[in-house]
PDB file of N, CA and C in Angstrom:
ATOM      1  N   MET A   1       1.003  -1.111   0.081  1.00  0.00           N
ATOM      2  CA  MET A   1       0.127  -0.034  -0.225  1.00  0.00           C
ATOM      3  C   MET A   1       1.064   1.106   0.159  1.00  0.00           C
ATOM      4  N   TYR A   2       0.613   2.525  -0.487  1.00  0.00           N
ATOM      5  CA  TYR A   2       0.772   3.652  -0.935  1.00  0.00           C
ATOM      6  C   TYR A   2       0.314   4.480  -0.171  1.00  0.00           C
ATOM      7  N   ILE A   3       1.077   5.592   0.401  1.00  0.00           N
ATOM      8  CA  ILE A   3       0.366   6.856   0.813  1.00  0.00           C
ATOM      9  C   ILE A   3       1.267   7.796   0.372  1.00  0.00           C
ATOM     10  N   LEU A   4       0.333   8.923  -0.228  1.00  0.00           N
ATOM     11  CA  LEU A   4       1.259   9.977  -0.956  1.00  0.00           C
ATOM     12  C   LEU A   4       0.441  10.962  -0.309  1.00  0.00           C
ATOM     13  N   LYS A   5       0.943  12.253   0.214  1.00  0.00           N
ATOM     14  CA  LYS A   5       0.263  13.471   0.835  1.00  0.00           C
ATOM     15  C   LYS A   5       0.862  14.959  -0.085  1.00  0.00           C
ATOM     16  N   THR A   6      -0.399  15.405  -0.429  1.00  0.00           N
ATOM     17  CA  THR A   6       0.184  16.576  -1.363  1.00  0.00           C
ATOM     18  C   THR A   6      -0.921  17.989  -0.948  1.00  0.00           C
ATOM     19  N   LYS A   7      -0.047  19.040  -1.465  1.00  0.00           N
ATOM     20  CA  LYS A   7      -0.180  20.241  -0.698  1.00  0.00           C
ATOM     21  C   LYS A   7      -0.908  20.911  -1.427  1.00  0.00           C
ATOM     22  N   GLY A   8      -2.005  21.626  -0.870  1.00  0.00           N
ATOM     23  CA  GLY A   8      -2.797  22.501  -1.722  1.00  0.00           C
ATOM     24  C   GLY A   8      -2.786  23.817  -1.948  1.00  0.00           C
ATOM     25  N   THR A   9      -2.988  24.691  -2.301  1.00  0.00           N
ATOM     26  CA  THR A   9      -3.288  25.935  -2.524  1.00  0.00           C
ATOM     27  C   THR A   9      -3.954  26.806  -1.594  1.00  0.00           C
ATOM     28  N   SER A  10      -4.348  28.037  -1.554  1.00  0.00           N
ATOM     29  CA  SER A  10      -4.964  29.141  -0.880  1.00  0.00           C
ATOM     30  C   SER A  10      -6.241  28.522  -0.741  1.00  0.00           C
ATOM     31  N   LYS A  11      -6.690  28.142  -1.767  1.00  0.00           N
ATOM     32  CA  LYS A  11      -8.331  27.353  -2.350  1.00  0.00           C
ATOM     33  C   LYS A  11      -8.446  25.964  -2.220  1.00  0.00           C
ATOM     34  N   ILE A  12      -7.053  25.585  -2.171  1.00  0.00           N
ATOM     35  CA  ILE A  12      -7.554  24.195  -2.080  1.00  0.00           C
ATOM     36  C   ILE A  12      -6.519  23.584  -1.517  1.00  0.00           C
ATOM     37  N   PRO A  13      -7.211  22.327  -0.543  1.00  0.00           N
ATOM     38  CA  PRO A  13      -6.638  22.087   0.857  1.00  0.00           C
ATOM     39  C   PRO A  13      -5.658  20.888   0.676  1.00  0.00           C
ATOM     40  N   ASP A  14      -4.775  20.717   1.468  1.00  0.00           N
ATOM     41  CA  ASP A  14      -4.107  19.688   1.474  1.00  0.00           C
ATOM     42  C   ASP A  14      -4.718  18.489   1.157  1.00  0.00           C
ATOM     43  N   TYR A  15      -4.242  17.251   0.724  1.00  0.00           N
ATOM     44  CA  TYR A  15      -4.901  15.932   0.322  1.00  0.00           C
ATOM     45  C   TYR A  15      -3.917  14.367   0.578  1.00  0.00           C
ATOM     46  N   ILE A  16      -4.813  13.587   1.449  1.00  0.00           N
ATOM     47  CA  ILE A  16      -3.988  12.337   1.508  1.00  0.00           C
ATOM     48  C   ILE A  16      -4.408  11.501   0.280  1.00  0.00           C
ATOM     49  N   GLN A  17      -3.771  10.777  -0.318  1.00  0.00           N
ATOM     50  CA  GLN A  17      -4.050   9.282  -1.270  1.00  0.00           C
ATOM     51  C   GLN A  17      -3.240   8.005  -0.501  1.00  0.00           C
ATOM     52  N   ILE A  18      -4.286   7.333  -0.507  1.00  0.00           N
ATOM     53  CA  ILE A  18      -3.880   5.565  -0.102  1.00  0.00           C
ATOM     54  C   ILE A  18      -4.200   4.956  -1.373  1.00  0.00           C
ATOM     55  N   ARG A  19      -3.374   4.306  -1.931  1.00  0.00           N
ATOM     56  CA  ARG A  19      -3.302   3.616  -3.051  1.00  0.00           C
ATOM     57  C   ARG A  19      -2.668   1.942  -2.941  1.00  0.00           C
ATOM     58  N   ASP A  20      -3.052   1.008  -3.847  1.00  0.00           N
ATOM     59  CA  ASP A  20      -2.708  -0.433  -3.323  1.00  0.00           C
ATOM     60  C   ASP A  20      -1.396  -0.759  -4.095  1.00  0.00           C
ATOM     61  N   ASN A  21      -1.468  -1.472  -4.423  1.00  0.00           N
ATOM     62  CA  ASN A  21       0.160  -2.441  -4.604  1.00  0.00           C
ATOM     63  C   ASN A  21      -0.115  -2.169  -5.990  1.00  0.00           C
ATOM     64  N   GLU A  22      -1.152  -2.030  -6.692  1.00  0.00           N
ATOM     65  CA  GLU A  22      -1.190  -1.963  -8.322  1.00  0.00           C
ATOM     66  C   GLU A  22      -1.482  -0.760  -8.743  1.00  0.00           C
ATOM     67  N   PHE A  23      -1.593   0.567  -7.329  1.00  0.00           N
ATOM     68  CA  PHE A  23      -1.180   1.963  -7.320  1.00  0.00           C
ATOM     69  C   PHE A  23      -2.951   2.524  -7.814  1.00  0.00           C
ATOM     70  N   ALA A  24      -3.885   1.682  -7.667  1.00  0.00           N
ATOM     71  CA  ALA A  24      -5.375   2.226  -7.638  1.00  0.00           C
ATOM     72  C   ALA A  24      -5.703   2.447  -6.444  1.00  0.00           C
ATOM     73  N   LEU A  25      -6.708   3.883  -6.851  1.00  0.00           N
ATOM     74  CA  LEU A  25      -6.368   4.967  -5.608  1.00  0.00           C
ATOM     75  C   LEU A  25      -7.878   4.098  -4.705  1.00  0.00           C
ATOM     76  N   ILE A  26      -7.638   3.740  -3.606  1.00  0.00           N
ATOM     77  CA  ILE A  26      -8.428   3.343  -2.624  1.00  0.00           C
ATOM     78  C   ILE A  26      -9.301   4.111  -2.025  1.00  0.00           C
ATOM     79  N   ALA A  27      -8.231   5.694  -1.324  1.00  0.00           N
ATOM     80  CA  ALA A  27      -9.211   6.715  -0.338  1.00  0.00           C
ATOM     81  C   ALA A  27      -8.050   7.873  -0.990  1.00  0.00           C
ATOM     82  N   GLN A  28      -9.256   9.085  -1.074  1.00  0.00           N
ATOM     83  CA  GLN A  28      -8.803  10.621  -1.017  1.00  0.00           C
ATOM     84  C   GLN A  28      -9.253  11.005  -0.387  1.00  0.00           C
ATOM     85  N   PHE A  29      -8.032  12.027   0.523  1.00  0.00           N
ATOM     86  CA  PHE A  29      -9.306  12.749   1.462  1.00  0.00           C
ATOM     87  C   PHE A  29      -8.204  13.787   2.396  1.00  0.00           C
ATOM     88  N   LYS A  30      -8.935  15.031   3.135  1.00  0.00           N
ATOM     89  CA  LYS A  30      -8.294  16.172   3.245  1.00  0.00           C
ATOM     90  C   LYS A  30      -7.361  15.799   4.556  1.00  0.00           C
ATOM     91  N   ALA A  31      -6.459  16.235   4.160  1.00  0.00           N
ATOM     92  CA  ALA A  31      -5.306  16.155   5.338  1.00  0.00           C
ATOM     93  C   ALA A  31      -6.038  16.249   6.670  1.00  0.00           C
ATOM     94  N   LYS A  32      -6.395  17.385   6.778  1.00  0.00           N
ATOM     95  CA  LYS A  32      -7.306  17.938   8.400  1.00  0.00           C
ATOM     96  C   LYS A  32      -7.811  16.738   8.691  1.00  0.00           C
ATOM     97  N   SER A  33      -9.055  16.358   8.060  1.00  0.00           N
ATOM     98  CA  SER A  33     -10.055  14.897   8.964  1.00  0.00           C
ATOM     99  C   SER A  33      -9.682  13.830   8.222  1.00  0.00           C
ATOM    100  N   PRO A  34      -8.078  13.272   8.546  1.00  0.00           N
ATOM    101  CA  PRO A  34      -8.183  11.636   8.538  1.00  0.00           C
ATOM    102  C   PRO A  34      -8.940  10.454   8.924  1.00  0.00           C
ATOM    103  N   HIS A  35      -9.341  10.923  10.354  1.00  0.00           N
ATOM    104  CA  HIS A  35      -9.411   9.833  10.989  1.00  0.00           C
ATOM    105  C   HIS A  35     -10.802   8.674  10.567  1.00  0.00           C
ATOM    106  N   ARG A  36     -12.029   9.609  10.085  1.00  0.00           N
ATOM    107  CA  ARG A  36     -13.652   9.349   9.551  1.00  0.00           C
ATOM    108  C   ARG A  36     -12.815   8.065   8.180  1.00  0.00           C
ATOM    109  N   THR A  37     -12.608   9.191   7.202  1.00  0.00           N
ATOM    110  CA  THR A  37     -12.475   8.193   6.160  1.00  0.00           C
ATOM    111  C   THR A  37     -11.332   7.042   6.405  1.00  0.00           C
ATOM    112  N   ILE A  38     -10.332   6.837   7.279  1.00  0.00           N
ATOM    113  CA  ILE A  38      -9.904   5.739   7.407  1.00  0.00           C
ATOM    114  C   ILE A  38     -10.767   4.463   7.865  1.00  0.00           C
ATOM    115  N   PHE A  39     -11.531   4.637   8.866  1.00  0.00           N
ATOM    116  CA  PHE A  39     -12.376   3.681   9.377  1.00  0.00           C
ATOM    117  C   PHE A  39     -13.584   3.803   7.895  1.00  0.00           C
ATOM    118  N   LYS A  40     -13.680   4.798   7.212  1.00  0.00           N
ATOM    119  CA  LYS A  40     -14.806   4.224   6.393  1.00  0.00           C
ATOM    120  C   LYS A  40     -14.772   3.297   5.461  1.00  0.00           C
ATOM    121  N   ASN A  41     -13.086   3.790   4.891  1.00  0.00           N
ATOM    122  CA  ASN A  41     -12.208   2.522   4.069  1.00  0.00           C
ATOM    123  C   ASN A  41     -12.000   1.138   4.452  1.00  0.00           C
ATOM    124  N   GLY A  42     -12.793   0.600   5.542  1.00  0.00           N
ATOM    125  CA  GLY A  42     -11.877  -0.247   5.996  1.00  0.00           C
ATOM    126  C   GLY A  42     -10.811  -0.397   6.307  1.00  0.00           C
ATOM    127  N   LEU A  43      -9.973   0.659   6.438  1.00  0.00           N
ATOM    128  CA  LEU A  43      -8.530   0.721   6.891  1.00  0.00           C
ATOM    129  C   LEU A  43      -8.569   0.862   9.073  1.00  0.00           C
ATOM    130  N   GLY A  44      -9.634   0.789   9.540  1.00  0.00           N
ATOM    131  CA  GLY A  44      -9.594   1.050  10.761  1.00  0.00           C
ATOM    132  C   GLY A  44      -8.970   0.482  11.710  1.00  0.00           C
ATOM    133  N   LYS A  45      -8.186  -0.956  11.292  1.00  0.00           N
ATOM    134  CA  LYS A  45      -7.447  -1.470  12.157  1.00  0.00           C
ATOM    135  C   LYS A  45      -5.900  -0.987  12.020  1.00  0.00           C
ATOM    136  N   HIS A  46      -5.604  -0.404  11.253  1.00  0.00           N
ATOM    137  CA  HIS A  46      -4.275  -0.046  10.636  1.00  0.00           C
ATOM    138  C   HIS A  46      -4.325   1.542  11.119  1.00  0.00           C
ATOM    139  N   LYS A  47      -5.295   2.070  11.314  1.00  0.00           N
ATOM    140  CA  LYS A  47      -5.587   4.004  11.718  1.00  0.00           C
ATOM    141  C   LYS A  47      -3.922   3.865  12.378  1.00  0.00           C
ATOM    142  N   GLU A  48      -3.694   3.840  13.188  1.00  0.00           N
ATOM    143  CA  GLU A  48      -2.735   4.273  14.146  1.00  0.00           C
ATOM    144  C   GLU A  48      -1.090   4.515  13.372  1.00  0.00           C
ATOM    145  N   LYS A  49      -1.007   3.331  12.600  1.00  0.00           N
ATOM    146  CA  LYS A  49       0.613   2.775  11.874  1.00  0.00           C
ATOM    147  C   LYS A  49       0.092   3.974  10.821  1.00  0.00           C
ATOM    148  N   ILE A  50      -1.122   4.300   9.973  1.00  0.00           N
ATOM    149  CA  ILE A  50      -1.618   4.885   8.466  1.00  0.00           C
ATOM    150  C   ILE A  50      -0.977   6.528   9.607  1.00  0.00           C
ATOM    151  N   MET A  51      -2.075   6.999  10.843  1.00  0.00           N
ATOM    152  CA  MET A  51      -1.739   8.212  11.019  1.00  0.00           C
ATOM    153  C   MET A  51      -0.082   8.688  11.096  1.00  0.00           C
ATOM    154  N   ARG A  52       0.343   7.910  11.828  1.00  0.00           N
ATOM    155  CA  ARG A  52       2.233   8.018  11.958  1.00  0.00           C
ATOM    156  C   ARG A  52       2.714   8.639  10.603  1.00  0.00           C
ATOM    157  N   VAL A  53       2.203   7.397   9.439  1.00  0.00           N
ATOM    158  CA  VAL A  53       2.924   8.194   8.086  1.00  0.00           C
ATOM    159  C   VAL A  53       2.642   9.198   7.799  1.00  0.00           C
ATOM    160  N   ILE A  54       1.239   9.315   7.915  1.00  0.00           N
ATOM    161  CA  ILE A  54       0.606  10.759   7.512  1.00  0.00           C
ATOM    162  C   ILE A  54       1.400  11.741   7.985  1.00  0.00           C
ATOM    163  N   GLU A  55       1.386  12.074   9.457  1.00  0.00           N
ATOM    164  CA  GLU A  55       1.712  13.167  10.447  1.00  0.00           C
ATOM    165  C   GLU A  55       3.565  13.090   9.791  1.00  0.00           C
ATOM    166  N   ASP A  56       4.605  11.895   9.715  1.00  0.00           N
ATOM    167  CA  ASP A  56       5.620  11.963   9.449  1.00  0.00           C
ATOM    168  C   ASP A  56       6.338  12.528   7.541  1.00  0.00           C
ATOM    169  N   VAL A  57       5.233  12.271   6.841  1.00  0.00           N
ATOM    170  CA  VAL A  57       5.742  11.964   5.114  1.00  0.00           C
ATOM    171  C   VAL A  57       5.566  13.457   4.931  1.00  0.00           C
ATOM    172  N   GLU A  58       6.968  13.735   4.252  1.00  0.00           N
ATOM    173  CA  GLU A  58       6.627  15.539   3.632  1.00  0.00           C
ATOM    174  C   GLU A  58       5.626  15.406   2.480  1.00  0.00           C
ATOM    175  N   PHE A  59       5.167  16.551   2.328  1.00  0.00           N
ATOM    176  CA  PHE A  59       3.936  16.466   0.796  1.00  0.00           C
ATOM    177  C   PHE A  59       5.083  15.721  -0.402  1.00  0.00           C
ATOM    178  N   GLY A  60       4.543  15.574  -1.517  1.00  0.00           N
ATOM    179  CA  GLY A  60       5.193  15.419  -2.292  1.00  0.00           C
ATOM    180  C   GLY A  60       5.578  14.158  -2.493  1.00  0.00           C
ATOM    181  N   LYS A  61       5.506  13.132  -1.144  1.00  0.00           N
ATOM    182  CA  LYS A  61       6.598  12.076  -1.176  1.00  0.00           C
ATOM    183  C   LYS A  61       5.529  10.994  -0.918  1.00  0.00           C
ATOM    184  N   LEU A  62       6.163   9.944  -2.101  1.00  0.00           N
ATOM    185  CA  LEU A  62       5.034   8.421  -2.104  1.00  0.00           C
ATOM    186  C   LEU A  62       5.906   7.669  -1.215  1.00  0.00           C
ATOM    187  N   ILE A  63       5.327   7.181  -0.415  1.00  0.00           N
ATOM    188  CA  ILE A  63       5.570   6.011   0.603  1.00  0.00           C
ATOM    189  C   ILE A  63       5.000   4.512   0.889  1.00  0.00           C
ATOM    190  N   LYS A  64       5.469   3.746   0.875  1.00  0.00           N
ATOM    191  CA  LYS A  64       4.893   2.345   0.800  1.00  0.00           C
ATOM    192  C   LYS A  64       5.390   2.047   1.988  1.00  0.00           C
ATOM    193  N   ILE A  65       3.883   1.329   2.543  1.00  0.00           N
ATOM    194  CA  ILE A  65       3.933   0.764   3.924  1.00  0.00           C
ATOM    195  C   ILE A  65       3.222  -0.436   3.594  1.00  0.00           C
ATOM    196  N   ASP A  66       3.673  -1.190   4.500  1.00  0.00           N
ATOM    197  CA  ASP A  66       3.036  -2.753   4.755  1.00  0.00           C
ATOM    198  C   ASP A  66       1.832  -2.858   5.789  1.00  0.00           C
ATOM    199  N   LEU A  67       0.887  -3.084   5.569  1.00  0.00           N
ATOM    200  CA  LEU A  67       0.169  -3.212   6.555  1.00  0.00           C
ATOM    201  C   LEU A  67      -0.381  -4.503   7.402  1.00  0.00           C
ATOM    202  N   ASN A  68       0.309  -5.770   7.225  1.00  0.00           N
ATOM    203  CA  ASN A  68       0.272  -6.546   7.676  1.00  0.00           C
ATOM    204  C   ASN A  68       1.177  -6.887   8.679  1.00  0.00           C
TER     205      ASN A  68
END
């Protein structure tokens, strides 16, 4: 699974994308409110690991994470 954090502009907010190993988009959500979307997309059991990565990753960097 991959996580990408994109920087917004003054009118467009920052976004987080979560993609699978084939790089298909699983979830895209605003960086300000990730908790609800993580649960909504069935990733609740991995919430803490995903949140750590989201907080630590720089904008524009693609990070591969293993959720097993």
